[in-house]
Amino acid sequence: MSKNTIGKWLKNARVGATMQSLMPSVVAVVTAIGTEGFSWWLALVAVAGVWCAHLACNLIDDYFDYKADMLKDRQEVVRKGIKAYTAKYPYLTDGSATLGSLRRAIAVFVLLAAACGLVVGWQREWAILLIALAAGLLGFFYSAPPIKFCYWGMGEVVTGLIFGPLLMAGVYWAASGVMDLKVLAVSVPIGLLVVNILYTHSMIDLEGDAASDKLTLAGVMKYSWAKLAMSWVINFAPYICVVVAVAMGWLHLAYLAVLLLLPRSIWLYWSLVQFEKGADFEKELEHPRRMLGPMPKDWAGIRKAGLDWFLIRWMTARNIVSDFCLTFIIVKVILLMVA
């Protein structure tokens, strides 16, 4: 496989979006540092396996969305004058890839993930593969028939479970050689913030999803107040979890540093309130605030393409996850240095 081919399929698999699996994986590894059986090389193998599995799941999602002709449904919504996100599987619609090549790319990423899992299972315990298998099946049936979790209002919950407790427990076990339930004190809030990425996405793209008969968690919330109430819980419960974990002695007091991200979460929730109200949001779209974190460099191009209303909220939700994880990593490293 040439470098160009590898680069093409990494782009098609939305390699930039793998932050939501890589960052929690790194948190799990750093959390495991200091345990008696810690192994750097097995930690790296586990993280590589998670990364490949995430890329495979992104492509699998594209495959089944394409089979369902989701893009056509969304374009019909846009023609009616309703905002909908239409940047779906462009490599299939522009002819640069075929379903056959997509299937082969999925197989490669799945095999690489499986190879990493076998190495970890051989060196540690085969029971770790049960976690990997559970996460893999949930990821596959996110959009694959006959289950299709994302069509039954369960997609966000499944994703949070995969990228939170399952992923972090598996990587921690692979890196340390032991299972410690205290990792839940870290993985549950991170899993909720991953859920927030999808929930924010689905809340502002409800019409597009509904046109494809896709029932998201936001779609389950029939009323505006219910959507916003769920958003409030998902946005702020992670901080509450950390405060409780610190109060119970499961986490060091220094982890309260994640509260520095609270203003960003407040802004995101406020922006969704404005969306539900249909309030004028134009000023916020002109120049995204620095406190929201990194945004696409070509913001003028994003605005011209009409994706600014979507990306400013989606990117903010993603930035909250990455910086939440980064804060955990920095605090852990500092605690290791002063210990």
C-alpha atoms as a PDB file:
ATOM      1  CA  MET A   1       0.000   0.000   0.000  1.00  0.00           C
ATOM      2  CA  SER A   2       1.535   3.322  -1.098  1.00  0.00           C
ATOM      3  CA  LYS A   3       1.926   6.401   1.093  1.00  0.00           C
ATOM      4  CA  ASN A   4      -0.663   8.196  -1.018  1.00  0.00           C
ATOM      5  CA  THR A   5      -3.159   5.387  -0.518  1.00  0.00           C
ATOM      6  CA  ILE A   6      -2.521   5.273   3.230  1.00  0.00           C
ATOM      7  CA  GLY A   7      -2.874   9.051   3.480  1.00  0.00           C
ATOM      8  CA  LYS A   8      -6.065   8.981   1.436  1.00  0.00           C
ATOM      9  CA  TRP A   9      -7.736   6.388   3.629  1.00  0.00           C
ATOM     10  CA  LEU A  10      -6.612   8.053   6.842  1.00  0.00           C
ATOM     11  CA  LYS A  11      -8.299  11.213   5.572  1.00  0.00           C
ATOM     12  CA  ASN A  12     -11.404   9.282   4.480  1.00  0.00           C
ATOM     13  CA  ALA A  13     -11.559   7.656   7.912  1.00  0.00           C
ATOM     14  CA  ARG A  14     -11.552  11.135   9.503  1.00  0.00           C
ATOM     15  CA  VAL A  15      -8.244  10.699  11.279  1.00  0.00           C
ATOM     16  CA  GLY A  16      -8.657  14.159  12.812  1.00  0.00           C
ATOM     17  CA  ALA A  17     -11.717  12.943  14.685  1.00  0.00           C
ATOM     18  CA  THR A  18      -9.766  10.152  16.398  1.00  0.00           C
ATOM     19  CA  MET A  19      -8.872  12.648  19.113  1.00  0.00           C
ATOM     20  CA  GLN A  20     -11.953  11.413  20.962  1.00  0.00           C
ATOM     21  CA  SER A  21     -10.377   7.960  21.262  1.00  0.00           C
ATOM     22  CA  LEU A  22      -6.682   8.880  21.465  1.00  0.00           C
ATOM     23  CA  MET A  23      -7.021  11.414  24.276  1.00  0.00           C
ATOM     24  CA  PRO A  24      -8.986   9.074  26.599  1.00  0.00           C
ATOM     25  CA  SER A  25      -6.467   6.334  25.730  1.00  0.00           C
ATOM     26  CA  VAL A  26      -3.554   8.549  26.777  1.00  0.00           C
ATOM     27  CA  VAL A  27      -5.381   9.450  30.004  1.00  0.00           C
ATOM     28  CA  ALA A  28      -5.773   5.729  30.748  1.00  0.00           C
ATOM     29  CA  VAL A  29      -2.065   5.124  30.076  1.00  0.00           C
ATOM     30  CA  VAL A  30      -0.925   8.031  32.242  1.00  0.00           C
ATOM     31  CA  THR A  31      -3.306   6.921  34.996  1.00  0.00           C
ATOM     32  CA  ALA A  32      -1.681   3.477  34.905  1.00  0.00           C
ATOM     33  CA  ILE A  33       1.862   4.867  35.321  1.00  0.00           C
ATOM     34  CA  GLY A  34       3.225   3.877  38.701  1.00  0.00           C
ATOM     35  CA  THR A  35       1.472   0.522  38.915  1.00  0.00           C
ATOM     36  CA  GLU A  36       3.781  -2.414  39.531  1.00  0.00           C
ATOM     37  CA  GLY A  37       3.261  -4.137  36.195  1.00  0.00           C
ATOM     38  CA  PHE A  38       3.189  -1.034  33.987  1.00  0.00           C
ATOM     39  CA  SER A  39       4.525  -1.583  30.458  1.00  0.00           C
ATOM     40  CA  TRP A  40       5.130   1.251  27.999  1.00  0.00           C
ATOM     41  CA  TRP A  41       5.241  -0.965  24.944  1.00  0.00           C
ATOM     42  CA  LEU A  42       1.981  -2.757  25.745  1.00  0.00           C
ATOM     43  CA  ALA A  43       0.377   0.606  26.466  1.00  0.00           C
ATOM     44  CA  LEU A  44       1.417   1.824  23.012  1.00  0.00           C
ATOM     45  CA  VAL A  45       0.155  -1.369  21.368  1.00  0.00           C
ATOM     46  CA  ALA A  46      -3.204  -0.936  23.107  1.00  0.00           C
ATOM     47  CA  VAL A  47      -3.471   2.715  22.027  1.00  0.00           C
ATOM     48  CA  ALA A  48      -2.572   1.750  18.439  1.00  0.00           C
ATOM     49  CA  GLY A  49      -5.291  -0.905  18.516  1.00  0.00           C
ATOM     50  CA  VAL A  50      -7.873   1.603  19.737  1.00  0.00           C
ATOM     51  CA  TRP A  51      -6.827   4.053  17.017  1.00  0.00           C
ATOM     52  CA  CYS A  52      -7.168   1.482  14.232  1.00  0.00           C
ATOM     53  CA  ALA A  53     -10.516   0.301  15.587  1.00  0.00           C
ATOM     54  CA  HIS A  54     -11.806   3.889  15.652  1.00  0.00           C
ATOM     55  CA  LEU A  55     -10.743   4.459  12.043  1.00  0.00           C
ATOM     56  CA  ALA A  56     -12.496   1.225  11.050  1.00  0.00           C
ATOM     57  CA  CYS A  57     -15.690   2.271  12.840  1.00  0.00           C
ATOM     58  CA  ASN A  58     -15.706   5.655  11.089  1.00  0.00           C
ATOM     59  CA  LEU A  59     -15.501   3.931   7.724  1.00  0.00           C
ATOM     60  CA  ILE A  60     -18.115   1.351   8.702  1.00  0.00           C
ATOM     61  CA  ASP A  61     -20.451   4.198   9.635  1.00  0.00           C
ATOM     62  CA  ASP A  62     -19.849   5.797   6.229  1.00  0.00           C
ATOM     63  CA  TYR A  63     -20.472   2.481   4.497  1.00  0.00           C
ATOM     64  CA  PHE A  64     -23.896   1.937   6.023  1.00  0.00           C
ATOM     65  CA  ASP A  65     -24.849   5.623   5.749  1.00  0.00           C
ATOM     66  CA  TYR A  66     -24.023   5.439   2.034  1.00  0.00           C
ATOM     67  CA  LYS A  67     -26.052   2.254   1.638  1.00  0.00           C
ATOM     68  CA  ALA A  68     -28.982   4.077   3.261  1.00  0.00           C
ATOM     69  CA  ASP A  69     -28.411   7.053   0.898  1.00  0.00           C
ATOM     70  CA  MET A  70     -28.327   9.429   3.858  1.00  0.00           C
ATOM     71  CA  LEU A  71     -26.739  12.253   1.860  1.00  0.00           C
ATOM     72  CA  LYS A  72     -29.678  12.383  -0.556  1.00  0.00           C
ATOM     73  CA  ASP A  73     -32.084  12.752   2.352  1.00  0.00           C
ATOM     74  CA  ARG A  74     -30.034  15.600   3.836  1.00  0.00           C
ATOM     75  CA  GLN A  75     -29.753  17.423   0.526  1.00  0.00           C
ATOM     76  CA  GLU A  76     -33.531  17.285   0.225  1.00  0.00           C
ATOM     77  CA  VAL A  77     -33.806  18.943   3.644  1.00  0.00           C
ATOM     78  CA  VAL A  78     -31.422  21.714   2.540  1.00  0.00           C
ATOM     79  CA  ARG A  79     -33.478  22.286  -0.614  1.00  0.00           C
ATOM     80  CA  LYS A  80     -36.455  22.968   1.656  1.00  0.00           C
ATOM     81  CA  GLY A  81     -34.461  25.785   3.269  1.00  0.00           C
ATOM     82  CA  ILE A  82     -33.639  23.905   6.485  1.00  0.00           C
ATOM     83  CA  LYS A  83     -30.078  23.773   7.788  1.00  0.00           C
ATOM     84  CA  ALA A  84     -28.522  20.286   7.661  1.00  0.00           C
ATOM     85  CA  TYR A  85     -24.950  19.002   7.685  1.00  0.00           C
ATOM     86  CA  THR A  86     -24.165  17.583   4.233  1.00  0.00           C
ATOM     87  CA  ALA A  87     -20.427  16.832   4.431  1.00  0.00           C
ATOM     88  CA  LYS A  88     -20.992  13.071   4.328  1.00  0.00           C
ATOM     89  CA  TYR A  89     -18.617  10.474   2.760  1.00  0.00           C
ATOM     90  CA  PRO A  90     -17.353  12.881   0.035  1.00  0.00           C
ATOM     91  CA  TYR A  91     -14.835  10.311  -1.206  1.00  0.00           C
ATOM     92  CA  LEU A  92     -17.714   8.087  -2.323  1.00  0.00           C
ATOM     93  CA  THR A  93     -19.813  10.802  -3.893  1.00  0.00           C
ATOM     94  CA  ASP A  94     -16.905  12.300  -5.880  1.00  0.00           C
ATOM     95  CA  GLY A  95     -15.851   8.904  -7.252  1.00  0.00           C
ATOM     96  CA  SER A  96     -12.362   8.861  -5.675  1.00  0.00           C
ATOM     97  CA  ALA A  97     -13.250   5.615  -3.872  1.00  0.00           C
ATOM     98  CA  THR A  98     -15.641   2.728  -4.428  1.00  0.00           C
ATOM     99  CA  LEU A  99     -17.596   0.550  -2.031  1.00  0.00           C
ATOM    100  CA  GLY A 100     -15.164  -2.243  -2.819  1.00  0.00           C
ATOM    101  CA  SER A 101     -12.115  -0.186  -1.859  1.00  0.00           C
ATOM    102  CA  LEU A 102     -13.966   1.021   1.227  1.00  0.00           C
ATOM    103  CA  ARG A 103     -14.596  -2.571   2.311  1.00  0.00           C
ATOM    104  CA  ARG A 104     -10.908  -3.392   1.823  1.00  0.00           C
ATOM    105  CA  ALA A 105      -9.838  -0.370   3.872  1.00  0.00           C
ATOM    106  CA  ILE A 106     -12.211  -1.394   6.664  1.00  0.00           C
ATOM    107  CA  ALA A 107     -10.748  -4.907   6.621  1.00  0.00           C
ATOM    108  CA  VAL A 108      -7.184  -3.559   6.909  1.00  0.00           C
ATOM    109  CA  PHE A 109      -7.994  -1.378   9.925  1.00  0.00           C
ATOM    110  CA  VAL A 110      -9.959  -4.171  11.594  1.00  0.00           C
ATOM    111  CA  LEU A 111      -7.095  -6.647  11.087  1.00  0.00           C
ATOM    112  CA  LEU A 112      -4.559  -4.172  12.495  1.00  0.00           C
ATOM    113  CA  ALA A 113      -6.770  -3.562  15.543  1.00  0.00           C
ATOM    114  CA  ALA A 114      -7.223  -7.309  16.006  1.00  0.00           C
ATOM    115  CA  ALA A 115      -3.457  -7.897  15.773  1.00  0.00           C
ATOM    116  CA  CYS A 116      -2.854  -5.321  18.514  1.00  0.00           C
ATOM    117  CA  GLY A 117      -5.528  -6.974  20.634  1.00  0.00           C
ATOM    118  CA  LEU A 118      -3.951 -10.411  20.215  1.00  0.00           C
ATOM    119  CA  VAL A 119      -0.542  -9.070  21.291  1.00  0.00           C
ATOM    120  CA  VAL A 120      -2.037  -7.530  24.429  1.00  0.00           C
ATOM    121  CA  GLY A 121      -4.061 -10.660  25.202  1.00  0.00           C
ATOM    122  CA  TRP A 122      -1.013 -12.890  24.758  1.00  0.00           C
ATOM    123  CA  GLN A 123       1.156 -10.727  27.028  1.00  0.00           C
ATOM    124  CA  ARG A 124      -1.495  -9.906  29.630  1.00  0.00           C
ATOM    125  CA  GLU A 125      -4.783 -11.765  29.935  1.00  0.00           C
ATOM    126  CA  TRP A 126      -7.104 -12.980  27.209  1.00  0.00           C
ATOM    127  CA  ALA A 127     -10.024 -11.562  29.209  1.00  0.00           C
ATOM    128  CA  ILE A 128      -8.974  -8.089  28.041  1.00  0.00           C
ATOM    129  CA  LEU A 129     -10.137  -9.105  24.565  1.00  0.00           C
ATOM    130  CA  LEU A 130     -13.698  -9.408  25.904  1.00  0.00           C
ATOM    131  CA  ILE A 131     -13.661  -5.647  26.520  1.00  0.00           C
ATOM    132  CA  ALA A 132     -12.267  -5.061  23.039  1.00  0.00           C
ATOM    133  CA  LEU A 133     -14.863  -7.386  21.514  1.00  0.00           C
ATOM    134  CA  ALA A 134     -17.728  -5.673  23.342  1.00  0.00           C
ATOM    135  CA  ALA A 135     -16.510  -2.237  22.190  1.00  0.00           C
ATOM    136  CA  GLY A 136     -16.013  -3.509  18.638  1.00  0.00           C
ATOM    137  CA  LEU A 137     -19.498  -5.002  18.378  1.00  0.00           C
ATOM    138  CA  LEU A 138     -21.104  -1.871  19.787  1.00  0.00           C
ATOM    139  CA  GLY A 139     -19.111   0.225  17.304  1.00  0.00           C
ATOM    140  CA  PHE A 140     -20.076  -2.000  14.374  1.00  0.00           C
ATOM    141  CA  PHE A 141     -23.773  -2.050  15.193  1.00  0.00           C
ATOM    142  CA  TYR A 142     -23.825   1.702  15.778  1.00  0.00           C
ATOM    143  CA  SER A 143     -25.139   2.020  12.220  1.00  0.00           C
ATOM    144  CA  ALA A 144     -25.058  -1.576  10.917  1.00  0.00           C
ATOM    145  CA  PRO A 145     -28.236  -3.645  10.631  1.00  0.00           C
ATOM    146  CA  PRO A 146     -30.045  -5.326  12.183  1.00  0.00           C
ATOM    147  CA  ILE A 147     -29.486  -3.347  15.397  1.00  0.00           C
ATOM    148  CA  LYS A 148     -28.482   0.139  14.176  1.00  0.00           C
ATOM    149  CA  PHE A 149     -28.229   1.816  17.586  1.00  0.00           C
ATOM    150  CA  CYS A 150     -28.144   5.303  16.047  1.00  0.00           C
ATOM    151  CA  TYR A 151     -31.612   4.720  14.565  1.00  0.00           C
ATOM    152  CA  TRP A 152     -33.139   3.930  17.963  1.00  0.00           C
ATOM    153  CA  GLY A 153     -31.938   6.848  20.082  1.00  0.00           C
ATOM    154  CA  MET A 154     -29.092   4.785  21.539  1.00  0.00           C
ATOM    155  CA  GLY A 155     -26.166   5.955  19.390  1.00  0.00           C
ATOM    156  CA  GLU A 156     -24.896   8.587  21.822  1.00  0.00           C
ATOM    157  CA  VAL A 157     -25.098   6.283  24.835  1.00  0.00           C
ATOM    158  CA  VAL A 158     -23.278   3.490  23.000  1.00  0.00           C
ATOM    159  CA  THR A 159     -20.536   5.869  21.848  1.00  0.00           C
ATOM    160  CA  GLY A 160     -20.031   7.237  25.361  1.00  0.00           C
ATOM    161  CA  LEU A 161     -19.753   3.699  26.719  1.00  0.00           C
ATOM    162  CA  ILE A 162     -17.199   2.760  24.043  1.00  0.00           C
ATOM    163  CA  PHE A 163     -14.950   5.817  24.348  1.00  0.00           C
ATOM    164  CA  GLY A 164     -15.338   6.141  28.107  1.00  0.00           C
ATOM    165  CA  PRO A 165     -15.492   3.102  30.445  1.00  0.00           C
ATOM    166  CA  LEU A 166     -14.798   0.320  27.909  1.00  0.00           C
ATOM    167  CA  LEU A 167     -11.895   1.989  26.100  1.00  0.00           C
ATOM    168  CA  MET A 168     -10.226   3.357  29.217  1.00  0.00           C
ATOM    169  CA  ALA A 169     -10.681   0.182  31.267  1.00  0.00           C
ATOM    170  CA  GLY A 170      -9.178  -1.893  28.446  1.00  0.00           C
ATOM    171  CA  VAL A 171      -6.198   0.391  27.858  1.00  0.00           C
ATOM    172  CA  TYR A 172      -5.558   0.748  31.600  1.00  0.00           C
ATOM    173  CA  TRP A 173      -5.631  -3.040  32.020  1.00  0.00           C
ATOM    174  CA  ALA A 174      -3.302  -3.530  29.051  1.00  0.00           C
ATOM    175  CA  ALA A 175      -0.851  -0.929  30.344  1.00  0.00           C
ATOM    176  CA  SER A 176      -0.858  -1.931  34.023  1.00  0.00           C
ATOM    177  CA  GLY A 177      -1.686  -5.619  33.951  1.00  0.00           C
ATOM    178  CA  VAL A 178      -4.441  -5.133  36.544  1.00  0.00           C
ATOM    179  CA  MET A 179      -8.028  -3.947  36.570  1.00  0.00           C
ATOM    180  CA  ASP A 180      -8.802  -1.096  38.945  1.00  0.00           C
ATOM    181  CA  LEU A 181     -12.407   0.090  39.139  1.00  0.00           C
ATOM    182  CA  LYS A 182     -11.160   3.518  40.214  1.00  0.00           C
ATOM    183  CA  VAL A 183     -10.496   4.171  36.539  1.00  0.00           C
ATOM    184  CA  LEU A 184     -14.263   4.687  36.324  1.00  0.00           C
ATOM    185  CA  ALA A 185     -13.816   7.932  38.265  1.00  0.00           C
ATOM    186  CA  VAL A 186     -11.938   9.213  35.213  1.00  0.00           C
ATOM    187  CA  SER A 187     -13.669   7.335  32.399  1.00  0.00           C
ATOM    188  CA  VAL A 188     -17.285   8.187  33.247  1.00  0.00           C
ATOM    189  CA  PRO A 189     -16.898  11.994  32.956  1.00  0.00           C
ATOM    190  CA  ILE A 190     -14.812  11.602  29.798  1.00  0.00           C
ATOM    191  CA  GLY A 191     -17.414   9.249  28.326  1.00  0.00           C
ATOM    192  CA  LEU A 192     -20.122  11.810  29.049  1.00  0.00           C
ATOM    193  CA  LEU A 193     -18.150  14.522  27.278  1.00  0.00           C
ATOM    194  CA  VAL A 194     -17.783  12.262  24.236  1.00  0.00           C
ATOM    195  CA  VAL A 195     -21.559  11.798  24.357  1.00  0.00           C
ATOM    196  CA  ASN A 196     -21.781  15.593  24.358  1.00  0.00           C
ATOM    197  CA  ILE A 197     -20.002  15.776  20.982  1.00  0.00           C
ATOM    198  CA  LEU A 198     -22.635  13.552  19.399  1.00  0.00           C
ATOM    199  CA  TYR A 199     -25.545  15.085  21.277  1.00  0.00           C
ATOM    200  CA  THR A 200     -24.524  18.604  20.234  1.00  0.00           C
ATOM    201  CA  HIS A 201     -24.177  17.337  16.657  1.00  0.00           C
ATOM    202  CA  SER A 202     -27.601  15.697  16.674  1.00  0.00           C
ATOM    203  CA  MET A 203     -29.355  18.561  18.459  1.00  0.00           C
ATOM    204  CA  ILE A 204     -28.372  21.119  15.812  1.00  0.00           C
ATOM    205  CA  ASP A 205     -28.761  18.662  12.920  1.00  0.00           C
ATOM    206  CA  LEU A 206     -32.068  17.169  13.999  1.00  0.00           C
ATOM    207  CA  GLU A 207     -33.839  17.785  10.686  1.00  0.00           C
ATOM    208  CA  GLY A 208     -31.079  16.109   8.691  1.00  0.00           C
ATOM    209  CA  ASP A 209     -31.122  13.029  10.900  1.00  0.00           C
ATOM    210  CA  ALA A 210     -34.916  12.828  10.898  1.00  0.00           C
ATOM    211  CA  ALA A 211     -34.975  12.926   7.091  1.00  0.00           C
ATOM    212  CA  SER A 212     -32.952   9.699   7.115  1.00  0.00           C
ATOM    213  CA  ASP A 213     -35.240   8.081   9.713  1.00  0.00           C
ATOM    214  CA  LYS A 214     -32.336   8.344  12.154  1.00  0.00           C
ATOM    215  CA  LEU A 215     -33.529   8.694  15.741  1.00  0.00           C
ATOM    216  CA  THR A 216     -30.897  10.341  17.907  1.00  0.00           C
ATOM    217  CA  LEU A 217     -31.034  11.050  21.634  1.00  0.00           C
ATOM    218  CA  ALA A 218     -32.003  14.641  20.794  1.00  0.00           C
ATOM    219  CA  GLY A 219     -34.805  13.231  18.655  1.00  0.00           C
ATOM    220  CA  VAL A 220     -36.075  11.197  21.600  1.00  0.00           C
ATOM    221  CA  MET A 221     -36.422  14.462  23.538  1.00  0.00           C
ATOM    222  CA  LYS A 222     -39.638  15.636  21.862  1.00  0.00           C
ATOM    223  CA  TYR A 223     -39.779  19.106  23.385  1.00  0.00           C
ATOM    224  CA  SER A 224     -37.306  21.978  23.321  1.00  0.00           C
ATOM    225  CA  TRP A 225     -37.096  22.162  27.120  1.00  0.00           C
ATOM    226  CA  ALA A 226     -36.338  18.419  27.257  1.00  0.00           C
ATOM    227  CA  LYS A 227     -33.544  18.743  24.675  1.00  0.00           C
ATOM    228  CA  LEU A 228     -31.980  21.574  26.657  1.00  0.00           C
ATOM    229  CA  ALA A 229     -32.400  19.729  29.957  1.00  0.00           C
ATOM    230  CA  MET A 230     -30.553  16.727  28.523  1.00  0.00           C
ATOM    231  CA  SER A 231     -27.865  19.033  27.156  1.00  0.00           C
ATOM    232  CA  TRP A 232     -27.463  20.603  30.604  1.00  0.00           C
ATOM    233  CA  VAL A 233     -26.981  17.182  32.194  1.00  0.00           C
ATOM    234  CA  ILE A 234     -24.467  16.000  29.582  1.00  0.00           C
ATOM    235  CA  ASN A 235     -22.530  19.279  29.651  1.00  0.00           C
ATOM    236  CA  PHE A 236     -22.222  19.676  33.403  1.00  0.00           C
ATOM    237  CA  ALA A 237     -22.459  16.160  34.884  1.00  0.00           C
ATOM    238  CA  PRO A 238     -18.763  15.476  34.052  1.00  0.00           C
ATOM    239  CA  TYR A 239     -17.682  18.319  36.341  1.00  0.00           C
ATOM    240  CA  ILE A 240     -20.027  17.103  39.062  1.00  0.00           C
ATOM    241  CA  CYS A 241     -18.540  13.598  38.714  1.00  0.00           C
ATOM    242  CA  VAL A 242     -15.019  14.944  39.240  1.00  0.00           C
ATOM    243  CA  VAL A 243     -16.070  16.990  42.274  1.00  0.00           C
ATOM    244  CA  VAL A 244     -17.749  13.925  43.787  1.00  0.00           C
ATOM    245  CA  ALA A 245     -14.715  11.731  43.032  1.00  0.00           C
ATOM    246  CA  VAL A 246     -12.427  14.236  44.750  1.00  0.00           C
ATOM    247  CA  ALA A 247     -14.780  14.495  47.743  1.00  0.00           C
ATOM    248  CA  MET A 248     -14.830  10.680  48.030  1.00  0.00           C
ATOM    249  CA  GLY A 249     -11.036  10.512  47.872  1.00  0.00           C
ATOM    250  CA  TRP A 250     -10.964   8.636  44.551  1.00  0.00           C
ATOM    251  CA  LEU A 251      -9.147  11.497  42.817  1.00  0.00           C
ATOM    252  CA  HIS A 252      -6.543  13.963  44.045  1.00  0.00           C
ATOM    253  CA  LEU A 253      -7.721  17.503  44.836  1.00  0.00           C
ATOM    254  CA  ALA A 254      -5.581  18.806  41.945  1.00  0.00           C
ATOM    255  CA  TYR A 255      -7.967  17.259  39.406  1.00  0.00           C
ATOM    256  CA  LEU A 256     -10.423  20.043  40.201  1.00  0.00           C
ATOM    257  CA  ALA A 257      -8.339  21.970  37.660  1.00  0.00           C
ATOM    258  CA  VAL A 258     -10.816  20.682  35.051  1.00  0.00           C
ATOM    259  CA  LEU A 259     -13.251  23.268  36.423  1.00  0.00           C
ATOM    260  CA  LEU A 260     -11.249  25.841  34.466  1.00  0.00           C
ATOM    261  CA  LEU A 261     -13.058  24.503  31.394  1.00  0.00           C
ATOM    262  CA  LEU A 262     -16.464  25.256  32.870  1.00  0.00           C
ATOM    263  CA  PRO A 263     -16.829  28.631  31.038  1.00  0.00           C
ATOM    264  CA  ARG A 264     -16.429  26.817  27.715  1.00  0.00           C
ATOM    265  CA  SER A 265     -19.176  24.358  28.615  1.00  0.00           C
ATOM    266  CA  ILE A 266     -21.389  27.236  29.756  1.00  0.00           C
ATOM    267  CA  TRP A 267     -20.871  28.932  26.366  1.00  0.00           C
ATOM    268  CA  LEU A 268     -21.720  25.727  24.506  1.00  0.00           C
ATOM    269  CA  TYR A 269     -24.923  25.238  26.488  1.00  0.00           C
ATOM    270  CA  TRP A 270     -25.835  28.909  25.955  1.00  0.00           C
ATOM    271  CA  SER A 271     -25.244  28.521  22.205  1.00  0.00           C
ATOM    272  CA  LEU A 272     -27.667  25.585  22.101  1.00  0.00           C
ATOM    273  CA  VAL A 273     -30.251  27.635  23.978  1.00  0.00           C
ATOM    274  CA  GLN A 274     -29.857  30.298  21.285  1.00  0.00           C
ATOM    275  CA  PHE A 275     -30.233  27.642  18.593  1.00  0.00           C
ATOM    276  CA  GLU A 276     -33.479  26.370  20.110  1.00  0.00           C
ATOM    277  CA  LYS A 277     -34.794  29.932  20.377  1.00  0.00           C
ATOM    278  CA  GLY A 278     -33.819  30.670  16.772  1.00  0.00           C
ATOM    279  CA  ALA A 279     -32.012  33.744  18.079  1.00  0.00           C
ATOM    280  CA  ASP A 280     -29.584  35.788  15.981  1.00  0.00           C
ATOM    281  CA  PHE A 281     -26.169  34.124  16.342  1.00  0.00           C
ATOM    282  CA  GLU A 282     -24.336  35.924  13.545  1.00  0.00           C
ATOM    283  CA  LYS A 283     -21.955  37.912  15.760  1.00  0.00           C
ATOM    284  CA  GLU A 284     -20.662  34.728  17.408  1.00  0.00           C
ATOM    285  CA  LEU A 285     -19.965  33.228  13.976  1.00  0.00           C
ATOM    286  CA  GLU A 286     -17.877  36.113  12.655  1.00  0.00           C
ATOM    287  CA  HIS A 287     -14.837  35.461  14.852  1.00  0.00           C
ATOM    288  CA  PRO A 288     -15.044  32.478  17.259  1.00  0.00           C
ATOM    289  CA  ARG A 289     -13.888  33.352  20.744  1.00  0.00           C
ATOM    290  CA  ARG A 290     -10.425  32.169  21.755  1.00  0.00           C
ATOM    291  CA  MET A 291     -11.790  30.593  24.917  1.00  0.00           C
ATOM    292  CA  LEU A 292     -13.632  28.043  22.761  1.00  0.00           C
ATOM    293  CA  GLY A 293     -10.341  26.458  21.704  1.00  0.00           C
ATOM    294  CA  PRO A 294      -8.858  25.758  18.238  1.00  0.00           C
ATOM    295  CA  MET A 295     -11.121  26.313  15.243  1.00  0.00           C
ATOM    296  CA  PRO A 296     -10.462  25.646  11.518  1.00  0.00           C
ATOM    297  CA  LYS A 297      -7.897  28.122  10.161  1.00  0.00           C
ATOM    298  CA  ASP A 298      -9.927  28.947   7.079  1.00  0.00           C
ATOM    299  CA  TRP A 299     -12.912  30.217   9.029  1.00  0.00           C
ATOM    300  CA  ALA A 300     -13.850  32.547   6.161  1.00  0.00           C
ATOM    301  CA  GLY A 301     -14.075  29.505   3.897  1.00  0.00           C
ATOM    302  CA  ILE A 302     -16.139  27.649   6.489  1.00  0.00           C
ATOM    303  CA  ARG A 303     -18.546  30.593   6.626  1.00  0.00           C
ATOM    304  CA  LYS A 304     -18.757  30.754   2.851  1.00  0.00           C
ATOM    305  CA  ALA A 305     -19.603  27.052   2.746  1.00  0.00           C
ATOM    306  CA  GLY A 306     -22.393  27.648   5.254  1.00  0.00           C
ATOM    307  CA  LEU A 307     -20.984  25.271   7.862  1.00  0.00           C
ATOM    308  CA  ASP A 308     -20.060  27.849  10.522  1.00  0.00           C
ATOM    309  CA  TRP A 309     -23.278  27.399  12.559  1.00  0.00           C
ATOM    310  CA  PHE A 310     -22.511  23.695  12.851  1.00  0.00           C
ATOM    311  CA  LEU A 311     -18.731  23.631  13.254  1.00  0.00           C
ATOM    312  CA  ILE A 312     -18.456  26.305  15.953  1.00  0.00           C
ATOM    313  CA  ARG A 313     -20.604  24.199  18.278  1.00  0.00           C
ATOM    314  CA  TRP A 314     -19.235  20.808  17.237  1.00  0.00           C
ATOM    315  CA  MET A 315     -15.620  21.984  17.505  1.00  0.00           C
ATOM    316  CA  THR A 316     -16.286  23.516  20.926  1.00  0.00           C
ATOM    317  CA  ALA A 317     -17.709  20.212  22.184  1.00  0.00           C
ATOM    318  CA  ARG A 318     -14.679  18.394  20.778  1.00  0.00           C
ATOM    319  CA  ASN A 319     -12.260  20.911  22.303  1.00  0.00           C
ATOM    320  CA  ILE A 320     -13.852  20.423  25.714  1.00  0.00           C
ATOM    321  CA  VAL A 321     -13.093  16.694  25.539  1.00  0.00           C
ATOM    322  CA  SER A 322      -9.501  17.158  24.393  1.00  0.00           C
ATOM    323  CA  ASP A 323      -8.675  19.817  27.002  1.00  0.00           C
ATOM    324  CA  PHE A 324     -10.482  17.913  29.756  1.00  0.00           C
ATOM    325  CA  CYS A 325      -8.275  14.920  28.975  1.00  0.00           C
ATOM    326  CA  LEU A 326      -5.183  17.124  28.629  1.00  0.00           C
ATOM    327  CA  THR A 327      -5.848  18.600  32.068  1.00  0.00           C
ATOM    328  CA  PHE A 328      -6.043  15.116  33.580  1.00  0.00           C
ATOM    329  CA  ILE A 329      -2.767  14.194  31.879  1.00  0.00           C
ATOM    330  CA  ILE A 330      -0.941  17.324  33.064  1.00  0.00           C
ATOM    331  CA  VAL A 331      -2.190  16.941  36.642  1.00  0.00           C
ATOM    332  CA  LYS A 332      -1.161  13.273  36.730  1.00  0.00           C
ATOM    333  CA  VAL A 333       2.311  14.043  35.377  1.00  0.00           C
ATOM    334  CA  ILE A 334       2.791  16.816  37.960  1.00  0.00           C
ATOM    335  CA  LEU A 335       1.669  14.517  40.773  1.00  0.00           C
ATOM    336  CA  LEU A 336       4.133  11.860  39.576  1.00  0.00           C
ATOM    337  CA  MET A 337       6.949  14.415  39.551  1.00  0.00           C
ATOM    338  CA  VAL A 338       6.286  15.688  43.066  1.00  0.00           C
ATOM    339  CA  ALA A 339       5.606  12.267  44.581  1.00  0.00           C
END
